[in-house]
């Protein structure tokens, strides 16, 4: 389980970019070089993510996180 905390819109956006990149790596088996990482221990045979991500925006509504929660089933917005 990974928790992202942010203190405003800018930090929400940066964290959302990190979460998106992490999920692309975990779900799609991509890395920054474009190589295949499907043998990663974080991805099961059914391509179901084994890492739960929680996001807690300390200021504001966390709209950047909420967009990701709609896109990925492993992202939960707290608060």
Protein backbone atom coordinates (compact mmCIF):
# COMPACT_ATOMS: atom_id res chain seq x y z
CA UNK A 1 0.00 0.00 0.00
CA UNK A 2 1.28 3.44 -0.96
CA UNK A 3 -0.05 6.74 0.43
CA UNK A 4 0.35 10.03 -1.43
CA UNK A 5 -0.14 13.21 0.61
CA UNK A 6 -0.33 16.62 -1.03
CA UNK A 7 -0.74 20.18 0.14
CA UNK A 8 -2.44 21.93 -2.76
CA UNK A 9 -3.27 21.81 -6.44
CA UNK A 10 0.33 21.77 -7.72
CA UNK A 11 1.32 18.88 -5.49
CA UNK A 12 -1.89 17.03 -6.44
CA UNK A 13 -0.92 17.30 -10.11
CA UNK A 14 2.66 16.14 -9.53
CA UNK A 15 1.52 13.19 -7.42
CA UNK A 16 -1.11 12.32 -10.01
CA UNK A 17 1.60 12.19 -12.70
CA UNK A 18 3.66 9.85 -10.51
CA UNK A 19 0.64 7.63 -9.80
CA UNK A 20 -0.22 7.52 -13.51
CA UNK A 21 3.36 6.53 -14.44
CA UNK A 22 3.44 3.91 -11.68
CA UNK A 23 0.18 2.40 -12.86
CA UNK A 24 1.31 2.37 -16.49
CA UNK A 25 4.36 0.45 -15.33
CA UNK A 26 2.38 -1.95 -13.15
CA UNK A 27 -0.70 -2.54 -15.31
CA UNK A 28 0.78 -2.30 -18.79
CA UNK A 29 4.27 -3.59 -18.11
CA UNK A 30 5.93 -0.45 -19.48
CA UNK A 31 9.08 1.22 -18.28
CA UNK A 32 10.56 4.60 -19.16
CA UNK A 33 12.69 3.08 -21.92
CA UNK A 34 9.66 1.50 -23.58
CA UNK A 35 10.76 -2.00 -22.57
CA UNK A 36 8.52 -4.76 -21.33
CA UNK A 37 8.41 -5.24 -17.56
CA UNK A 38 5.58 -7.76 -17.47
CA UNK A 39 7.70 -10.06 -15.35
CA UNK A 40 7.47 -7.52 -12.52
CA UNK A 41 6.52 -9.03 -9.17
CA UNK A 42 3.91 -6.29 -8.79
CA UNK A 43 1.72 -7.65 -11.60
CA UNK A 44 -0.15 -10.90 -11.28
CA UNK A 45 -0.83 -13.29 -14.16
CA UNK A 46 -4.29 -11.75 -14.59
CA UNK A 47 -2.78 -8.25 -14.95
CA UNK A 48 -4.45 -7.24 -11.72
CA UNK A 49 -2.42 -4.71 -9.76
CA UNK A 50 -1.17 -5.91 -6.40
CA UNK A 51 -0.47 -2.42 -5.01
CA UNK A 52 -3.20 -0.29 -3.47
CA UNK A 53 -2.69 3.46 -3.76
CA UNK A 54 -4.36 5.98 -1.47
CA UNK A 55 -4.27 9.71 -2.05
CA UNK A 56 -4.99 12.30 0.62
CA UNK A 57 -5.27 15.91 -0.54
CA UNK A 58 -4.73 18.05 2.57
CA UNK A 59 -5.94 21.22 0.82
CA UNK A 60 -8.73 21.35 -1.76
CA UNK A 61 -10.78 18.58 -3.36
CA UNK A 62 -8.00 16.58 -5.01
CA UNK A 63 -9.54 16.62 -8.48
CA UNK A 64 -6.32 15.29 -10.05
CA UNK A 65 -6.55 12.23 -7.80
CA UNK A 66 -10.25 11.76 -8.48
CA UNK A 67 -9.60 11.62 -12.24
CA UNK A 68 -7.13 8.79 -11.59
CA UNK A 69 -9.55 6.97 -9.28
CA UNK A 70 -11.99 6.87 -12.22
CA UNK A 71 -9.28 5.47 -14.48
CA UNK A 72 -7.56 2.93 -12.21
CA UNK A 73 -9.23 0.49 -9.82
CA UNK A 74 -6.33 0.57 -7.35
CA UNK A 75 -6.49 4.31 -6.52
CA UNK A 76 -8.57 5.43 -3.54
CA UNK A 77 -9.04 9.10 -2.62
CA UNK A 78 -9.28 9.68 1.13
CA UNK A 79 -11.19 12.70 2.36
